[in-house]
Amino acid sequence: MAVSFERTIPILRMFSVEKAKEFYVDYLGFQIDWEHKFPEVAPVYMQVSRAGLVLHLSEHYGDATPGSSIYVQMCGIEEFHRELTARNYGYLRPGLDQTPWNTRCVNVTDPFGNHIRFNEPLT
């Protein structure tokens, strides 16, 4: 059987489940698929998703480095930008920019310093 890679799921470090939900669910429009926690005092590991994009968010030390960047290729970036702008999130007002590599881009930074670069290729 040939090697086949089926999906990449980035893991992003978080330090507050409450702030993560405010950002990823309330602001970006993701849904929480599941949360995992061993005993009550253990860190949370959770999965969020939206329209085929799946992210893992972890409070576990060593799972990821704060300040990481991920590049997301998407369709519908103008509508996505309008959604974000309409939510009036107090901590972020991303623009809709054209990049030198011929995409339209919305850059966001989560409360933990992670960067997500949403890009739609120009046709």
PDB file of N, CA and C in Angstrom:
ATOM      1  N   MET A   1       0.849  -1.186   0.000  1.00  0.00           N
ATOM      2  CA  MET A   1       0.000   0.000   0.000  1.00  0.00           C
ATOM      3  C   MET A   1       0.890   1.243   0.000  1.00  0.00           C
ATOM      4  N   ALA A   2       0.524   2.220  -0.797  1.00  0.00           N
ATOM      5  CA  ALA A   2       1.279   3.467  -0.885  1.00  0.00           C
ATOM      6  C   ALA A   2       1.007   4.344   0.333  1.00  0.00           C
ATOM      7  N   VAL A   3       1.976   5.150   0.660  1.00  0.00           N
ATOM      8  CA  VAL A   3       1.817   6.104   1.752  1.00  0.00           C
ATOM      9  C   VAL A   3       0.806   7.166   1.346  1.00  0.00           C
ATOM     10  N   SER A   4      -0.063   7.526   2.290  1.00  0.00           N
ATOM     11  CA  SER A   4      -1.070   8.542   2.034  1.00  0.00           C
ATOM     12  C   SER A   4      -1.276   9.363   3.304  1.00  0.00           C
ATOM     13  N   PHE A   5      -1.162  10.677   3.179  1.00  0.00           N
ATOM     14  CA  PHE A   5      -1.437  11.563   4.298  1.00  0.00           C
ATOM     15  C   PHE A   5      -2.828  12.134   4.095  1.00  0.00           C
ATOM     16  N   GLU A   6      -3.693  11.954   5.071  1.00  0.00           N
ATOM     17  CA  GLU A   6      -5.094  12.298   4.864  1.00  0.00           C
ATOM     18  C   GLU A   6      -5.517  13.630   5.466  1.00  0.00           C
ATOM     19  N   ARG A   7      -4.863  14.068   6.524  1.00  0.00           N
ATOM     20  CA  ARG A   7      -5.295  15.316   7.154  1.00  0.00           C
ATOM     21  C   ARG A   7      -4.204  15.820   8.084  1.00  0.00           C
ATOM     22  N   THR A   8      -4.049  17.114   8.139  1.00  0.00           N
ATOM     23  CA  THR A   8      -3.162  17.750   9.098  1.00  0.00           C
ATOM     24  C   THR A   8      -4.024  18.517  10.082  1.00  0.00           C
ATOM     25  N   ILE A   9      -3.775  18.320  11.364  1.00  0.00           N
ATOM     26  CA  ILE A   9      -4.518  19.053  12.390  1.00  0.00           C
ATOM     27  C   ILE A   9      -3.509  19.792  13.258  1.00  0.00           C
ATOM     28  N   PRO A  10      -3.384  21.104  13.077  1.00  0.00           N
ATOM     29  CA  PRO A  10      -2.454  21.864  13.909  1.00  0.00           C
ATOM     30  C   PRO A  10      -2.879  21.844  15.382  1.00  0.00           C
ATOM     31  N   ILE A  11      -1.894  21.811  16.259  1.00  0.00           N
ATOM     32  CA  ILE A  11      -2.133  21.936  17.699  1.00  0.00           C
ATOM     33  C   ILE A  11      -1.627  23.310  18.103  1.00  0.00           C
ATOM     34  N   LEU A  12      -2.490  24.108  18.713  1.00  0.00           N
ATOM     35  CA  LEU A  12      -2.133  25.443  19.176  1.00  0.00           C
ATOM     36  C   LEU A  12      -2.199  25.486  20.703  1.00  0.00           C
ATOM     37  N   ARG A  13      -1.230  26.138  21.307  1.00  0.00           N
ATOM     38  CA  ARG A  13      -1.172  26.258  22.761  1.00  0.00           C
ATOM     39  C   ARG A  13      -2.175  27.298  23.218  1.00  0.00           C
ATOM     40  N   MET A  14      -2.854  27.003  24.311  1.00  0.00           N
ATOM     41  CA  MET A  14      -3.767  27.962  24.939  1.00  0.00           C
ATOM     42  C   MET A  14      -3.485  27.955  26.435  1.00  0.00           C
ATOM     43  N   PHE A  15      -3.896  29.029  27.111  1.00  0.00           N
ATOM     44  CA  PHE A  15      -3.681  29.150  28.544  1.00  0.00           C
ATOM     45  C   PHE A  15      -4.971  29.358  29.318  1.00  0.00           C
ATOM     46  N   SER A  16      -6.085  29.501  28.615  1.00  0.00           N
ATOM     47  CA  SER A  16      -7.385  29.723  29.252  1.00  0.00           C
ATOM     48  C   SER A  16      -8.470  29.165  28.341  1.00  0.00           C
ATOM     49  N   VAL A  17      -9.202  28.186  28.843  1.00  0.00           N
ATOM     50  CA  VAL A  17     -10.294  27.607  28.054  1.00  0.00           C
ATOM     51  C   VAL A  17     -11.358  28.662  27.785  1.00  0.00           C
ATOM     52  N   GLU A  18     -11.638  29.492  28.781  1.00  0.00           N
ATOM     53  CA  GLU A  18     -12.651  30.547  28.624  1.00  0.00           C
ATOM     54  C   GLU A  18     -12.267  31.511  27.505  1.00  0.00           C
ATOM     55  N   LYS A  19     -11.018  31.978  27.484  1.00  0.00           N
ATOM     56  CA  LYS A  19     -10.563  32.904  26.444  1.00  0.00           C
ATOM     57  C   LYS A  19     -10.519  32.217  25.078  1.00  0.00           C
ATOM     58  N   ALA A  20     -10.137  30.935  25.065  1.00  0.00           N
ATOM     59  CA  ALA A  20     -10.107  30.184  23.803  1.00  0.00           C
ATOM     60  C   ALA A  20     -11.508  30.084  23.213  1.00  0.00           C
ATOM     61  N   LYS A  21     -12.495  29.782  24.044  1.00  0.00           N
ATOM     62  CA  LYS A  21     -13.873  29.680  23.550  1.00  0.00           C
ATOM     63  C   LYS A  21     -14.381  31.033  23.067  1.00  0.00           C
ATOM     64  N   GLU A  22     -14.056  32.094  23.798  1.00  0.00           N
ATOM     65  CA  GLU A  22     -14.469  33.435  23.385  1.00  0.00           C
ATOM     66  C   GLU A  22     -13.907  33.758  21.993  1.00  0.00           C
ATOM     67  N   PHE A  23     -12.652  33.404  21.759  1.00  0.00           N
ATOM     68  CA  PHE A  23     -12.010  33.722  20.492  1.00  0.00           C
ATOM     69  C   PHE A  23     -12.435  32.778  19.361  1.00  0.00           C
ATOM     70  N   TYR A  24     -12.262  31.471  19.585  1.00  0.00           N
ATOM     71  CA  TYR A  24     -12.484  30.512  18.498  1.00  0.00           C
ATOM     72  C   TYR A  24     -13.962  30.265  18.203  1.00  0.00           C
ATOM     73  N   VAL A  25     -14.800  30.253  19.223  1.00  0.00           N
ATOM     74  CA  VAL A  25     -16.229  29.981  19.018  1.00  0.00           C
ATOM     75  C   VAL A  25     -16.997  31.288  18.780  1.00  0.00           C
ATOM     76  N   ASP A  26     -16.935  32.200  19.736  1.00  0.00           N
ATOM     77  CA  ASP A  26     -17.728  33.424  19.640  1.00  0.00           C
ATOM     78  C   ASP A  26     -17.255  34.352  18.525  1.00  0.00           C
ATOM     79  N   TYR A  27     -15.931  34.469  18.337  1.00  0.00           N
ATOM     80  CA  TYR A  27     -15.413  35.401  17.338  1.00  0.00           C
ATOM     81  C   TYR A  27     -15.209  34.758  15.970  1.00  0.00           C
ATOM     82  N   LEU A  28     -14.470  33.651  15.905  1.00  0.00           N
ATOM     83  CA  LEU A  28     -14.176  33.042  14.605  1.00  0.00           C
ATOM     84  C   LEU A  28     -15.287  32.139  14.086  1.00  0.00           C
ATOM     85  N   GLY A  29     -16.238  31.766  14.929  1.00  0.00           N
ATOM     86  CA  GLY A  29     -17.376  30.974  14.472  1.00  0.00           C
ATOM     87  C   GLY A  29     -17.139  29.477  14.410  1.00  0.00           C
ATOM     88  N   PHE A  30     -16.119  28.987  15.106  1.00  0.00           N
ATOM     89  CA  PHE A  30     -15.879  27.545  15.170  1.00  0.00           C
ATOM     90  C   PHE A  30     -16.876  26.908  16.132  1.00  0.00           C
ATOM     91  N   GLN A  31     -16.980  25.586  16.061  1.00  0.00           N
ATOM     92  CA  GLN A  31     -17.772  24.843  17.043  1.00  0.00           C
ATOM     93  C   GLN A  31     -16.812  23.976  17.846  1.00  0.00           C
ATOM     94  N   ILE A  32     -17.191  23.676  19.077  1.00  0.00           N
ATOM     95  CA  ILE A  32     -16.407  22.763  19.898  1.00  0.00           C
ATOM     96  C   ILE A  32     -16.869  21.350  19.576  1.00  0.00           C
ATOM     97  N   ASP A  33     -15.944  20.523  19.108  1.00  0.00           N
ATOM     98  CA  ASP A  33     -16.272  19.137  18.785  1.00  0.00           C
ATOM     99  C   ASP A  33     -16.168  18.247  20.018  1.00  0.00           C
ATOM    100  N   TRP A  34     -15.145  18.473  20.820  1.00  0.00           N
ATOM    101  CA  TRP A  34     -14.984  17.728  22.064  1.00  0.00           C
ATOM    102  C   TRP A  34     -13.925  18.399  22.933  1.00  0.00           C
ATOM    103  N   GLU A  35     -13.985  18.096  24.218  1.00  0.00           N
ATOM    104  CA  GLU A  35     -12.984  18.531  25.204  1.00  0.00           C
ATOM    105  C   GLU A  35     -12.555  17.310  25.990  1.00  0.00           C
ATOM    106  N   HIS A  36     -11.267  17.245  26.305  1.00  0.00           N
ATOM    107  CA  HIS A  36     -10.769  16.146  27.117  1.00  0.00           C
ATOM    108  C   HIS A  36      -9.967  16.692  28.290  1.00  0.00           C
ATOM    109  N   LYS A  37     -10.206  16.104  29.440  1.00  0.00           N
ATOM    110  CA  LYS A  37      -9.495  16.490  30.657  1.00  0.00           C
ATOM    111  C   LYS A  37      -9.422  15.256  31.541  1.00  0.00           C
ATOM    112  N   PHE A  38      -8.244  14.921  32.047  1.00  0.00           N
ATOM    113  CA  PHE A  38      -8.122  13.767  32.936  1.00  0.00           C
ATOM    114  C   PHE A  38      -8.760  14.085  34.278  1.00  0.00           C
ATOM    115  N   PRO A  39      -8.040  14.282  35.358  1.00  0.00           N
ATOM    116  CA  PRO A  39      -8.686  14.704  36.612  1.00  0.00           C
ATOM    117  C   PRO A  39      -9.074  16.177  36.521  1.00  0.00           C
ATOM    118  N   GLU A  40      -9.812  16.623  37.499  1.00  0.00           N
ATOM    119  CA  GLU A  40     -10.328  18.006  37.466  1.00  0.00           C
ATOM    120  C   GLU A  40      -9.252  19.074  37.400  1.00  0.00           C
ATOM    121  N   VAL A  41      -8.073  18.808  37.898  1.00  0.00           N
ATOM    122  CA  VAL A  41      -7.023  19.826  37.898  1.00  0.00           C
ATOM    123  C   VAL A  41      -6.120  19.738  36.673  1.00  0.00           C
ATOM    124  N   ALA A  42      -6.329  18.773  35.808  1.00  0.00           N
ATOM    125  CA  ALA A  42      -5.485  18.594  34.626  1.00  0.00           C
ATOM    126  C   ALA A  42      -5.822  19.622  33.548  1.00  0.00           C
ATOM    127  N   PRO A  43      -4.857  19.893  32.664  1.00  0.00           N
ATOM    128  CA  PRO A  43      -5.110  20.808  31.552  1.00  0.00           C
ATOM    129  C   PRO A  43      -6.145  20.234  30.581  1.00  0.00           C
ATOM    130  N   VAL A  44      -6.749  21.126  29.809  1.00  0.00           N
ATOM    131  CA  VAL A  44      -7.764  20.744  28.825  1.00  0.00           C
ATOM    132  C   VAL A  44      -7.108  20.604  27.454  1.00  0.00           C
ATOM    133  N   TYR A  45      -7.577  19.628  26.697  1.00  0.00           N
ATOM    134  CA  TYR A  45      -7.209  19.428  25.294  1.00  0.00           C
ATOM    135  C   TYR A  45      -8.540  19.371  24.551  1.00  0.00           C
ATOM    136  N   MET A  46      -8.712  20.203  23.527  1.00  0.00           N
ATOM    137  CA  MET A  46     -10.002  20.258  22.853  1.00  0.00           C
ATOM    138  C   MET A  46      -9.844  20.390  21.344  1.00  0.00           C
ATOM    139  N   GLN A  47     -10.921  20.034  20.652  1.00  0.00           N
ATOM    140  CA  GLN A  47     -10.957  20.175  19.198  1.00  0.00           C
ATOM    141  C   GLN A  47     -12.060  21.150  18.824  1.00  0.00           C
ATOM    142  N   VAL A  48     -11.716  22.094  17.929  1.00  0.00           N
ATOM    143  CA  VAL A  48     -12.694  23.012  17.358  1.00  0.00           C
ATOM    144  C   VAL A  48     -12.639  22.860  15.841  1.00  0.00           C
ATOM    145  N   SER A  49     -13.761  23.163  15.189  1.00  0.00           N
ATOM    146  CA  SER A  49     -13.789  23.035  13.734  1.00  0.00           C
ATOM    147  C   SER A  49     -14.781  24.015  13.121  1.00  0.00           C
ATOM    148  N   ARG A  50     -14.519  24.284  11.852  1.00  0.00           N
ATOM    149  CA  ARG A  50     -15.440  25.097  11.059  1.00  0.00           C
ATOM    150  C   ARG A  50     -15.171  24.824   9.586  1.00  0.00           C
ATOM    151  N   ALA A  51     -16.198  24.441   8.869  1.00  0.00           N
ATOM    152  CA  ALA A  51     -16.159  24.303   7.405  1.00  0.00           C
ATOM    153  C   ALA A  51     -14.950  23.506   6.910  1.00  0.00           C
ATOM    154  N   GLY A  52     -14.633  22.409   7.589  1.00  0.00           N
ATOM    155  CA  GLY A  52     -13.538  21.545   7.161  1.00  0.00           C
ATOM    156  C   GLY A  52     -12.199  21.828   7.809  1.00  0.00           C
ATOM    157  N   LEU A  53     -12.060  22.963   8.484  1.00  0.00           N
ATOM    158  CA  LEU A  53     -10.820  23.281   9.197  1.00  0.00           C
ATOM    159  C   LEU A  53     -10.933  22.765  10.628  1.00  0.00           C
ATOM    160  N   VAL A  54      -9.993  21.927  11.038  1.00  0.00           N
ATOM    161  CA  VAL A  54      -9.980  21.347  12.379  1.00  0.00           C
ATOM    162  C   VAL A  54      -8.713  21.807  13.087  1.00  0.00           C
ATOM    163  N   LEU A  55      -8.870  22.295  14.317  1.00  0.00           N
ATOM    164  CA  LEU A  55      -7.742  22.711  15.140  1.00  0.00           C
ATOM    165  C   LEU A  55      -7.828  22.019  16.488  1.00  0.00           C
ATOM    166  N   HIS A  56      -6.684  21.675  17.048  1.00  0.00           N
ATOM    167  CA  HIS A  56      -6.610  21.196  18.424  1.00  0.00           C
ATOM    168  C   HIS A  56      -6.012  22.315  19.265  1.00  0.00           C
ATOM    169  N   LEU A  57      -6.628  22.564  20.402  1.00  0.00           N
ATOM    170  CA  LEU A  57      -6.170  23.582  21.340  1.00  0.00           C
ATOM    171  C   LEU A  57      -5.777  22.877  22.632  1.00  0.00           C
ATOM    172  N   SER A  58      -4.589  23.173  23.137  1.00  0.00           N
ATOM    173  CA  SER A  58      -4.082  22.436  24.283  1.00  0.00           C
ATOM    174  C   SER A  58      -3.530  23.350  25.362  1.00  0.00           C
ATOM    175  N   GLU A  59      -3.894  23.048  26.611  1.00  0.00           N
ATOM    176  CA  GLU A  59      -3.281  23.696  27.764  1.00  0.00           C
ATOM    177  C   GLU A  59      -2.065  22.916  28.261  1.00  0.00           C
ATOM    178  N   HIS A  60      -1.796  21.752  27.678  1.00  0.00           N
ATOM    179  CA  HIS A  60      -0.705  20.893  28.123  1.00  0.00           C
ATOM    180  C   HIS A  60       0.657  21.493  27.775  1.00  0.00           C
ATOM    181  N   TYR A  61       1.510  21.603  28.769  1.00  0.00           N
ATOM    182  CA  TYR A  61       2.875  22.066  28.554  1.00  0.00           C
ATOM    183  C   TYR A  61       3.579  21.125  27.585  1.00  0.00           C
ATOM    184  N   GLY A  62       4.224  21.681  26.572  1.00  0.00           N
ATOM    185  CA  GLY A  62       4.985  20.881  25.627  1.00  0.00           C
ATOM    186  C   GLY A  62       4.221  20.453  24.389  1.00  0.00           C
ATOM    187  N   ASP A  63       2.911  20.644  24.356  1.00  0.00           N
ATOM    188  CA  ASP A  63       2.147  20.246  23.168  1.00  0.00           C
ATOM    189  C   ASP A  63       2.392  21.176  21.990  1.00  0.00           C
ATOM    190  N   ALA A  64       2.617  22.425  22.252  1.00  0.00           N
ATOM    191  CA  ALA A  64       2.813  23.394  21.180  1.00  0.00           C
ATOM    192  C   ALA A  64       3.528  24.610  21.748  1.00  0.00           C
ATOM    193  N   THR A  65       4.020  25.446  20.865  1.00  0.00           N
ATOM    194  CA  THR A  65       4.742  26.641  21.271  1.00  0.00           C
ATOM    195  C   THR A  65       3.856  27.866  21.095  1.00  0.00           C
ATOM    196  N   PRO A  66       3.651  28.643  22.141  1.00  0.00           N
ATOM    197  CA  PRO A  66       2.872  29.882  21.970  1.00  0.00           C
ATOM    198  C   PRO A  66       3.526  30.756  20.895  1.00  0.00           C
ATOM    199  N   GLY A  67       2.711  31.413  20.112  1.00  0.00           N
ATOM    200  CA  GLY A  67       3.218  32.278  19.054  1.00  0.00           C
ATOM    201  C   GLY A  67       3.432  31.563  17.734  1.00  0.00           C
ATOM    202  N   SER A  68       2.883  30.362  17.595  1.00  0.00           N
ATOM    203  CA  SER A  68       2.995  29.625  16.338  1.00  0.00           C
ATOM    204  C   SER A  68       2.135  30.295  15.263  1.00  0.00           C
ATOM    205  N   SER A  69       2.434  29.965  14.008  1.00  0.00           N
ATOM    206  CA  SER A  69       1.651  30.481  12.881  1.00  0.00           C
ATOM    207  C   SER A  69       1.165  29.323  12.037  1.00  0.00           C
ATOM    208  N   ILE A  70      -0.078  29.439  11.561  1.00  0.00           N
ATOM    209  CA  ILE A  70      -0.586  28.462  10.599  1.00  0.00           C
ATOM    210  C   ILE A  70      -1.171  29.217   9.412  1.00  0.00           C
ATOM    211  N   TYR A  71      -1.042  28.611   8.243  1.00  0.00           N
ATOM    212  CA  TYR A  71      -1.538  29.160   6.987  1.00  0.00           C
ATOM    213  C   TYR A  71      -2.739  28.322   6.575  1.00  0.00           C
ATOM    214  N   VAL A  72      -3.872  28.975   6.353  1.00  0.00           N
ATOM    215  CA  VAL A  72      -5.104  28.277   5.974  1.00  0.00           C
ATOM    216  C   VAL A  72      -5.540  28.787   4.610  1.00  0.00           C
ATOM    217  N   GLN A  73      -5.636  27.892   3.639  1.00  0.00           N
ATOM    218  CA  GLN A  73      -6.183  28.265   2.336  1.00  0.00           C
ATOM    219  C   GLN A  73      -7.681  28.029   2.368  1.00  0.00           C
ATOM    220  N   MET A  74      -8.447  28.987   1.892  1.00  0.00           N
ATOM    221  CA  MET A  74      -9.903  28.930   2.011  1.00  0.00           C
ATOM    222  C   MET A  74     -10.581  29.574   0.825  1.00  0.00           C
ATOM    223  N   CYS A  75     -11.892  29.443   0.775  1.00  0.00           N
ATOM    224  CA  CYS A  75     -12.755  30.151  -0.172  1.00  0.00           C
ATOM    225  C   CYS A  75     -13.725  30.985   0.644  1.00  0.00           C
ATOM    226  N   GLY A  76     -14.152  32.106   0.100  1.00  0.00           N
ATOM    227  CA  GLY A  76     -15.128  32.959   0.778  1.00  0.00           C
ATOM    228  C   GLY A  76     -14.518  33.926   1.768  1.00  0.00           C
ATOM    229  N   ILE A  77     -13.330  34.407   1.496  1.00  0.00           N
ATOM    230  CA  ILE A  77     -12.635  35.253   2.467  1.00  0.00           C
ATOM    231  C   ILE A  77     -13.328  36.594   2.689  1.00  0.00           C
ATOM    232  N   GLU A  78     -13.957  37.151   1.656  1.00  0.00           N
ATOM    233  CA  GLU A  78     -14.655  38.429   1.854  1.00  0.00           C
ATOM    234  C   GLU A  78     -15.826  38.263   2.814  1.00  0.00           C
ATOM    235  N   GLU A  79     -16.597  37.199   2.656  1.00  0.00           N
ATOM    236  CA  GLU A  79     -17.702  36.931   3.571  1.00  0.00           C
ATOM    237  C   GLU A  79     -17.181  36.681   4.988  1.00  0.00           C
ATOM    238  N   PHE A  80     -16.099  35.914   5.097  1.00  0.00           N
ATOM    239  CA  PHE A  80     -15.485  35.647   6.394  1.00  0.00           C
ATOM    240  C   PHE A  80     -15.053  36.952   7.067  1.00  0.00           C
ATOM    241  N   HIS A  81     -14.433  37.838   6.301  1.00  0.00           N
ATOM    242  CA  HIS A  81     -13.994  39.130   6.848  1.00  0.00           C
ATOM    243  C   HIS A  81     -15.190  39.962   7.313  1.00  0.00           C
ATOM    244  N   ARG A  82     -16.272  39.952   6.532  1.00  0.00           N
ATOM    245  CA  ARG A  82     -17.488  40.684   6.940  1.00  0.00           C
ATOM    246  C   ARG A  82     -18.040  40.128   8.253  1.00  0.00           C
ATOM    247  N   GLU A  83     -18.056  38.795   8.399  1.00  0.00           N
ATOM    248  CA  GLU A  83     -18.519  38.169   9.650  1.00  0.00           C
ATOM    249  C   GLU A  83     -17.699  38.662  10.843  1.00  0.00           C
ATOM    250  N   LEU A  84     -16.377  38.624  10.698  1.00  0.00           N
ATOM    251  CA  LEU A  84     -15.505  39.035  11.801  1.00  0.00           C
ATOM    252  C   LEU A  84     -15.710  40.499  12.150  1.00  0.00           C
ATOM    253  N   THR A  85     -15.802  41.332  11.133  1.00  0.00           N
ATOM    254  CA  THR A  85     -15.995  42.768  11.358  1.00  0.00           C
ATOM    255  C   THR A  85     -17.318  43.037  12.076  1.00  0.00           C
ATOM    256  N   ALA A  86     -18.372  42.309  11.703  1.00  0.00           N
ATOM    257  CA  ALA A  86     -19.699  42.514  12.297  1.00  0.00           C
ATOM    258  C   ALA A  86     -19.755  42.089  13.766  1.00  0.00           C
ATOM    259  N   ARG A  87     -18.857  41.231  14.194  1.00  0.00           N
ATOM    260  CA  ARG A  87     -18.888  40.744  15.583  1.00  0.00           C
ATOM    261  C   ARG A  87     -18.328  41.744  16.582  1.00  0.00           C
ATOM    262  N   ASN A  88     -17.650  42.778  16.106  1.00  0.00           N
ATOM    263  CA  ASN A  88     -17.126  43.820  16.992  1.00  0.00           C
ATOM    264  C   ASN A  88     -16.331  43.259  18.171  1.00  0.00           C
ATOM    265  N   TYR A  89     -15.437  42.331  17.896  1.00  0.00           N
ATOM    266  CA  TYR A  89     -14.555  41.763  18.913  1.00  0.00           C
ATOM    267  C   TYR A  89     -13.635  42.860  19.421  1.00  0.00           C
ATOM    268  N   GLY A  90     -13.596  43.052  20.720  1.00  0.00           N
ATOM    269  CA  GLY A  90     -12.871  44.172  21.304  1.00  0.00           C
ATOM    270  C   GLY A  90     -11.356  44.125  21.198  1.00  0.00           C
ATOM    271  N   TYR A  91     -10.788  42.978  20.855  1.00  0.00           N
ATOM    272  CA  TYR A  91      -9.339  42.835  20.893  1.00  0.00           C
ATOM    273  C   TYR A  91      -8.676  42.752  19.528  1.00  0.00           C
ATOM    274  N   LEU A  92      -9.467  42.758  18.452  1.00  0.00           N
ATOM    275  CA  LEU A  92      -8.877  42.533  17.136  1.00  0.00           C
ATOM    276  C   LEU A  92      -9.779  43.087  16.047  1.00  0.00           C
ATOM    277  N   ARG A  93      -9.183  43.772  15.070  1.00  0.00           N
ATOM    278  CA  ARG A  93      -9.893  44.271  13.899  1.00  0.00           C
ATOM    279  C   ARG A  93      -9.044  43.979  12.663  1.00  0.00           C
ATOM    280  N   PRO A  94      -9.049  42.721  12.191  1.00  0.00           N
ATOM    281  CA  PRO A  94      -8.175  42.397  11.060  1.00  0.00           C
ATOM    282  C   PRO A  94      -8.654  43.025   9.767  1.00  0.00           C
ATOM    283  N   GLY A  95      -7.696  43.323   8.918  1.00  0.00           N
ATOM    284  CA  GLY A  95      -8.013  43.841   7.599  1.00  0.00           C
ATOM    285  C   GLY A  95      -8.161  42.702   6.606  1.00  0.00           C
ATOM    286  N   LEU A  96      -8.477  43.079   5.397  1.00  0.00           N
ATOM    287  CA  LEU A  96      -8.524  42.144   4.269  1.00  0.00           C
ATOM    288  C   LEU A  96      -7.487  42.656   3.284  1.00  0.00           C
ATOM    289  N   ASP A  97      -6.361  41.972   3.223  1.00  0.00           N
ATOM    290  CA  ASP A  97      -5.205  42.463   2.475  1.00  0.00           C
ATOM    291  C   ASP A  97      -4.908  41.594   1.263  1.00  0.00           C
ATOM    292  N   GLN A  98      -4.264  42.187   0.273  1.00  0.00           N
ATOM    293  CA  GLN A  98      -3.739  41.413  -0.854  1.00  0.00           C
ATOM    294  C   GLN A  98      -2.260  41.179  -0.577  1.00  0.00           C
ATOM    295  N   THR A  99      -1.826  39.935  -0.726  1.00  0.00           N
ATOM    296  CA  THR A  99      -0.447  39.572  -0.435  1.00  0.00           C
ATOM    297  C   THR A  99       0.402  39.609  -1.703  1.00  0.00           C
ATOM    298  N   PRO A 100       1.726  39.670  -1.548  1.00  0.00           N
ATOM    299  CA  PRO A 100       2.616  39.595  -2.717  1.00  0.00           C
ATOM    300  C   PRO A 100       2.549  38.238  -3.419  1.00  0.00           C
ATOM    301  N   TRP A 101       2.047  37.197  -2.727  1.00  0.00           N
ATOM    302  CA  TRP A 101       1.958  35.860  -3.345  1.00  0.00           C
ATOM    303  C   TRP A 101       0.577  35.610  -3.944  1.00  0.00           C
ATOM    304  N   ASN A 102      -0.147  36.707  -4.233  1.00  0.00           N
ATOM    305  CA  ASN A 102      -1.388  36.668  -5.012  1.00  0.00           C
ATOM    306  C   ASN A 102      -2.550  35.982  -4.287  1.00  0.00           C
ATOM    307  N   THR A 103      -2.739  36.330  -3.035  1.00  0.00           N
ATOM    308  CA  THR A 103      -3.908  35.888  -2.277  1.00  0.00           C
ATOM    309  C   THR A 103      -4.532  37.097  -1.606  1.00  0.00           C
ATOM    310  N   ARG A 104      -5.767  36.935  -1.169  1.00  0.00           N
ATOM    311  CA  ARG A 104      -6.399  37.884  -0.250  1.00  0.00           C
ATOM    312  C   ARG A 104      -6.284  37.233   1.115  1.00  0.00           C
ATOM    313  N   CYS A 105      -5.971  38.022   2.117  1.00  0.00           N
ATOM    314  CA  CYS A 105      -5.579  37.455   3.400  1.00  0.00           C
ATOM    315  C   CYS A 105      -6.221  38.191   4.571  1.00  0.00           C
ATOM    316  N   VAL A 106      -6.667  37.425   5.568  1.00  0.00           N
ATOM    317  CA  VAL A 106      -7.115  37.951   6.858  1.00  0.00           C
ATOM    318  C   VAL A 106      -6.218  37.309   7.909  1.00  0.00           C
ATOM    319  N   ASN A 107      -5.430  38.129   8.589  1.00  0.00           N
ATOM    320  CA  ASN A 107      -4.534  37.652   9.641  1.00  0.00           C
ATOM    321  C   ASN A 107      -5.166  37.900  10.999  1.00  0.00           C
ATOM    322  N   VAL A 108      -5.230  36.855  11.822  1.00  0.00           N
ATOM    323  CA  VAL A 108      -5.728  37.016  13.179  1.00  0.00           C
ATOM    324  C   VAL A 108      -4.699  36.459  14.162  1.00  0.00           C
ATOM    325  N   THR A 109      -4.702  37.002  15.352  1.00  0.00           N
ATOM    326  CA  THR A 109      -3.841  36.527  16.434  1.00  0.00           C
ATOM    327  C   THR A 109      -4.728  36.190  17.601  1.00  0.00           C
ATOM    328  N   ASP A 110      -4.631  34.956  18.091  1.00  0.00           N
ATOM    329  CA  ASP A 110      -5.477  34.544  19.212  1.00  0.00           C
ATOM    330  C   ASP A 110      -4.947  35.125  20.529  1.00  0.00           C
ATOM    331  N   PRO A 111      -5.679  34.981  21.619  1.00  0.00           N
ATOM    332  CA  PRO A 111      -5.259  35.572  22.894  1.00  0.00           C
ATOM    333  C   PRO A 111      -3.951  35.000  23.443  1.00  0.00           C
ATOM    334  N   PHE A 112      -3.422  33.958  22.821  1.00  0.00           N
ATOM    335  CA  PHE A 112      -2.213  33.295  23.310  1.00  0.00           C
ATOM    336  C   PHE A 112      -1.018  33.541  22.392  1.00  0.00           C
ATOM    337  N   GLY A 113      -1.189  34.448  21.425  1.00  0.00           N
ATOM    338  CA  GLY A 113      -0.103  34.822  20.536  1.00  0.00           C
ATOM    339  C   GLY A 113       0.037  33.979  19.290  1.00  0.00           C
ATOM    340  N   ASN A 114      -0.876  33.038  19.062  1.00  0.00           N
ATOM    341  CA  ASN A 114      -0.835  32.215  17.855  1.00  0.00           C
ATOM    342  C   ASN A 114      -1.433  32.991  16.683  1.00  0.00           C
ATOM    343  N   HIS A 115      -0.815  32.845  15.522  1.00  0.00           N
ATOM    344  CA  HIS A 115      -1.246  33.568  14.331  1.00  0.00           C
ATOM    345  C   HIS A 115      -1.905  32.597  13.345  1.00  0.00           C
ATOM    346  N   ILE A 116      -3.059  32.997  12.833  1.00  0.00           N
ATOM    347  CA  ILE A 116      -3.727  32.220  11.797  1.00  0.00           C
ATOM    348  C   ILE A 116      -3.867  33.129  10.585  1.00  0.00           C
ATOM    349  N   ARG A 117      -3.329  32.677   9.468  1.00  0.00           N
ATOM    350  CA  ARG A 117      -3.357  33.452   8.232  1.00  0.00           C
ATOM    351  C   ARG A 117      -4.334  32.786   7.271  1.00  0.00           C
ATOM    352  N   PHE A 118      -5.528  33.341   7.198  1.00  0.00           N
ATOM    353  CA  PHE A 118      -6.561  32.841   6.290  1.00  0.00           C
ATOM    354  C   PHE A 118      -6.305  33.457   4.917  1.00  0.00           C
ATOM    355  N   ASN A 119      -6.168  32.621   3.885  1.00  0.00           N
ATOM    356  CA  ASN A 119      -5.834  33.098   2.543  1.00  0.00           C
ATOM    357  C   ASN A 119      -6.746  32.495   1.494  1.00  0.00           C
ATOM    358  N   GLU A 120      -7.122  33.326   0.535  1.00  0.00           N
ATOM    359  CA  GLU A 120      -7.857  32.856  -0.633  1.00  0.00           C
ATOM    360  C   GLU A 120      -7.078  33.265  -1.876  1.00  0.00           C
ATOM    361  N   PRO A 121      -6.692  32.280  -2.715  1.00  0.00           N
ATOM    362  CA  PRO A 121      -5.959  32.633  -3.937  1.00  0.00           C
ATOM    363  C   PRO A 121      -6.808  33.517  -4.847  1.00  0.00           C
ATOM    364  N   LEU A 122      -6.160  34.486  -5.475  1.00  0.00           N
ATOM    365  CA  LEU A 122      -6.815  35.330  -6.470  1.00  0.00           C
ATOM    366  C   LEU A 122      -6.832  34.579  -7.784  1.00  0.00           C
ATOM    367  N   THR A 123      -7.947  34.646  -8.481  1.00  0.00           N
ATOM    368  CA  THR A 123      -8.017  33.933  -9.750  1.00  0.00           C
ATOM    369  C   THR A 123      -7.851  34.892 -10.905  1.00  0.00           C
TER     370      THR A 123
END
